[in-house]
Amino acid sequence: LTEIVKNIPLDKILIETDSPYLSPIPFRGKRNEPSYVIEIAKKIAKIKNINLNDVENATMDNTLKLFHKIS
């Protein structure tokens, strides 16, 4: 998945927690929870070598665009 994240532009990434049994590290083995989404954002920031706030802002914008809340 690391190579995939490296190659996908940030404006095409969404973060979600629909998979109940694929929790991120450090919660592996526990039921996935929406509060763990920050761990995914941290990992994306690390892989892409960018600021966590940039990931948070971009993925929020991407989500809003997907659901047509902004143009």
N, C-alpha and C. Protein backbone atom coordinates (compact mmCIF):
# COMPACT_ATOMS: atom_id res chain seq x y z
N LEU A 1 0.81 -1.21 0.00
CA LEU A 1 0.00 0.00 0.00
C LEU A 1 0.85 1.27 0.00
N THR A 2 2.06 1.16 0.52
CA THR A 2 2.94 2.34 0.56
C THR A 2 3.20 2.89 -0.83
N GLU A 3 3.50 2.02 -1.78
CA GLU A 3 3.77 2.48 -3.15
C GLU A 3 2.53 3.11 -3.77
N ILE A 4 1.38 2.57 -3.46
CA ILE A 4 0.13 3.14 -3.98
C ILE A 4 -0.05 4.54 -3.44
N VAL A 5 0.13 4.72 -2.14
CA VAL A 5 -0.02 6.05 -1.54
C VAL A 5 0.99 7.03 -2.12
N LYS A 6 2.21 6.58 -2.34
CA LYS A 6 3.23 7.45 -2.92
C LYS A 6 2.81 7.97 -4.29
N ASN A 7 2.13 7.12 -5.07
CA ASN A 7 1.84 7.45 -6.45
C ASN A 7 0.49 8.10 -6.70
N ILE A 8 -0.38 8.10 -5.73
CA ILE A 8 -1.69 8.73 -5.91
C ILE A 8 -1.59 10.20 -5.48
N PRO A 9 -2.04 11.12 -6.32
CA PRO A 9 -2.03 12.53 -5.93
C PRO A 9 -2.91 12.75 -4.69
N LEU A 10 -2.49 13.65 -3.84
CA LEU A 10 -3.21 13.92 -2.60
C LEU A 10 -4.65 14.34 -2.85
N ASP A 11 -4.91 15.00 -3.97
CA ASP A 11 -6.27 15.46 -4.25
C ASP A 11 -7.20 14.32 -4.73
N LYS A 12 -6.67 13.10 -4.73
CA LYS A 12 -7.48 11.93 -5.11
C LYS A 12 -7.64 10.94 -3.96
N ILE A 13 -7.21 11.30 -2.77
CA ILE A 13 -7.24 10.38 -1.64
C ILE A 13 -8.37 10.73 -0.67
N LEU A 14 -9.10 9.70 -0.25
CA LEU A 14 -10.09 9.81 0.81
C LEU A 14 -9.65 8.89 1.94
N ILE A 15 -10.06 9.21 3.15
CA ILE A 15 -9.75 8.38 4.31
C ILE A 15 -11.06 7.94 4.93
N GLU A 16 -11.16 6.64 5.23
CA GLU A 16 -12.39 6.11 5.83
C GLU A 16 -12.07 4.94 6.73
N THR A 17 -13.07 4.48 7.48
CA THR A 17 -12.87 3.38 8.42
C THR A 17 -13.97 2.32 8.26
N ASP A 18 -14.39 2.07 7.03
CA ASP A 18 -15.47 1.11 6.81
C ASP A 18 -15.10 -0.33 7.14
N SER A 19 -13.85 -0.66 7.02
CA SER A 19 -13.44 -2.05 7.26
C SER A 19 -13.31 -2.30 8.76
N PRO A 20 -14.22 -3.08 9.33
CA PRO A 20 -14.19 -3.27 10.78
C PRO A 20 -13.02 -4.10 11.28
N TYR A 21 -12.35 -4.82 10.38
CA TYR A 21 -11.28 -5.72 10.83
C TYR A 21 -9.92 -5.38 10.24
N LEU A 22 -9.76 -4.17 9.73
CA LEU A 22 -8.47 -3.75 9.18
C LEU A 22 -8.02 -2.47 9.87
N SER A 23 -7.85 -2.55 11.16
CA SER A 23 -7.45 -1.39 11.95
C SER A 23 -6.00 -1.04 11.68
N PRO A 24 -5.68 0.26 11.72
CA PRO A 24 -4.29 0.67 11.51
C PRO A 24 -3.42 0.34 12.73
N ILE A 25 -2.14 0.22 12.48
CA ILE A 25 -1.19 0.11 13.58
C ILE A 25 -1.28 1.44 14.32
N PRO A 26 -1.39 1.56 15.58
CA PRO A 26 -1.13 0.60 16.65
C PRO A 26 -2.36 -0.13 17.16
N PHE A 27 -3.45 -0.13 16.41
CA PHE A 27 -4.70 -0.75 16.86
C PHE A 27 -4.99 -2.08 16.17
N ARG A 28 -4.01 -2.62 15.44
CA ARG A 28 -4.19 -3.86 14.71
C ARG A 28 -4.67 -4.95 15.66
N GLY A 29 -5.68 -5.70 15.22
CA GLY A 29 -6.24 -6.77 16.05
C GLY A 29 -7.47 -6.34 16.82
N LYS A 30 -7.73 -5.04 16.86
CA LYS A 30 -8.94 -4.53 17.51
C LYS A 30 -9.93 -4.12 16.43
N ARG A 31 -11.17 -4.00 16.81
CA ARG A 31 -12.20 -3.54 15.87
C ARG A 31 -11.87 -2.10 15.43
N ASN A 32 -11.98 -1.85 14.15
CA ASN A 32 -11.69 -0.52 13.61
C ASN A 32 -12.74 0.48 14.09
N GLU A 33 -12.30 1.69 14.37
CA GLU A 33 -13.16 2.75 14.88
C GLU A 33 -12.90 4.03 14.08
N PRO A 34 -13.90 4.89 13.90
CA PRO A 34 -13.69 6.15 13.20
C PRO A 34 -12.58 7.02 13.82
N SER A 35 -12.40 6.93 15.11
CA SER A 35 -11.36 7.74 15.76
C SER A 35 -9.96 7.36 15.31
N TYR A 36 -9.79 6.21 14.68
CA TYR A 36 -8.48 5.76 14.22
C TYR A 36 -8.07 6.40 12.88
N VAL A 37 -8.97 7.12 12.27
CA VAL A 37 -8.68 7.69 10.96
C VAL A 37 -7.46 8.62 11.01
N ILE A 38 -7.19 9.21 12.14
CA ILE A 38 -6.02 10.07 12.28
C ILE A 38 -4.73 9.28 12.05
N GLU A 39 -4.72 8.02 12.42
CA GLU A 39 -3.53 7.19 12.21
C GLU A 39 -3.26 7.00 10.72
N ILE A 40 -4.32 6.89 9.94
CA ILE A 40 -4.18 6.76 8.49
C ILE A 40 -3.62 8.06 7.92
N ALA A 41 -4.14 9.19 8.38
CA ALA A 41 -3.64 10.48 7.92
C ALA A 41 -2.16 10.66 8.27
N LYS A 42 -1.77 10.25 9.46
CA LYS A 42 -0.36 10.33 9.87
C LYS A 42 0.53 9.49 8.95
N LYS A 43 0.06 8.30 8.61
CA LYS A 43 0.83 7.41 7.74
C LYS A 43 0.95 8.00 6.34
N ILE A 44 -0.12 8.58 5.82
CA ILE A 44 -0.06 9.22 4.50
C ILE A 44 0.93 10.37 4.53
N ALA A 45 0.89 11.18 5.57
CA ALA A 45 1.83 12.30 5.70
C ALA A 45 3.27 11.80 5.71
N LYS A 46 3.51 10.74 6.44
CA LYS A 46 4.87 10.18 6.53
C LYS A 46 5.32 9.63 5.17
N ILE A 47 4.47 8.88 4.51
CA ILE A 47 4.81 8.30 3.21
C ILE A 47 5.10 9.39 2.19
N LYS A 48 4.25 10.42 2.18
CA LYS A 48 4.39 11.48 1.19
C LYS A 48 5.36 12.58 1.65
N ASN A 49 5.87 12.46 2.88
CA ASN A 49 6.80 13.43 3.43
C ASN A 49 6.22 14.85 3.39
N ILE A 50 4.98 14.96 3.89
CA ILE A 50 4.29 16.25 3.95
C ILE A 50 3.71 16.43 5.35
N ASN A 51 3.23 17.62 5.62
CA ASN A 51 2.67 17.97 6.90
C ASN A 51 1.32 17.29 7.11
N LEU A 52 1.07 16.83 8.33
CA LEU A 52 -0.21 16.21 8.65
C LEU A 52 -1.38 17.13 8.36
N ASN A 53 -1.24 18.42 8.64
CA ASN A 53 -2.33 19.36 8.36
C ASN A 53 -2.67 19.40 6.87
N ASP A 54 -1.67 19.24 6.02
CA ASP A 54 -1.92 19.21 4.57
C ASP A 54 -2.77 18.00 4.20
N VAL A 55 -2.49 16.86 4.82
CA VAL A 55 -3.28 15.65 4.56
C VAL A 55 -4.70 15.85 5.07
N GLU A 56 -4.83 16.38 6.27
CA GLU A 56 -6.16 16.60 6.85
C GLU A 56 -6.99 17.54 5.97
N ASN A 57 -6.40 18.65 5.57
CA ASN A 57 -7.13 19.62 4.75
C ASN A 57 -7.49 19.05 3.38
N ALA A 58 -6.55 18.39 2.75
CA ALA A 58 -6.81 17.84 1.41
C ALA A 58 -7.87 16.75 1.45
N THR A 59 -7.78 15.85 2.41
CA THR A 59 -8.76 14.76 2.45
C THR A 59 -10.14 15.26 2.84
N MET A 60 -10.21 16.30 3.65
CA MET A 60 -11.52 16.91 3.96
C MET A 60 -12.09 17.56 2.70
N ASP A 61 -11.27 18.31 1.98
CA ASP A 61 -11.73 18.91 0.73
C ASP A 61 -12.18 17.84 -0.26
N ASN A 62 -11.43 16.76 -0.36
CA ASN A 62 -11.79 15.67 -1.28
C ASN A 62 -13.13 15.06 -0.91
N THR A 63 -13.35 14.88 0.37
CA THR A 63 -14.63 14.32 0.83
C THR A 63 -15.78 15.25 0.50
N LEU A 64 -15.59 16.53 0.77
CA LEU A 64 -16.65 17.51 0.48
C LEU A 64 -16.94 17.58 -1.01
N LYS A 65 -15.90 17.53 -1.83
CA LYS A 65 -16.09 17.53 -3.28
C LYS A 65 -16.85 16.28 -3.73
N LEU A 66 -16.49 15.15 -3.18
CA LEU A 66 -17.17 13.90 -3.55
C LEU A 66 -18.66 13.99 -3.28
N PHE A 67 -19.02 14.57 -2.18
CA PHE A 67 -20.43 14.68 -1.80
C PHE A 67 -21.05 16.01 -2.22
N HIS A 68 -20.35 16.71 -3.11
CA HIS A 68 -20.87 17.93 -3.75
C HIS A 68 -21.20 19.04 -2.76
N LYS A 69 -20.42 19.16 -1.70
CA LYS A 69 -20.65 20.23 -0.73
C LYS A 69 -19.94 21.50 -1.12
N ILE A 70 -18.87 21.37 -1.94
CA ILE A 70 -18.18 22.54 -2.47
C ILE A 70 -17.90 22.29 -3.93
N SER A 71 -17.64 23.33 -4.67
CA SER A 71 -17.37 23.16 -6.11
C SER A 71 -15.89 23.15 -6.40
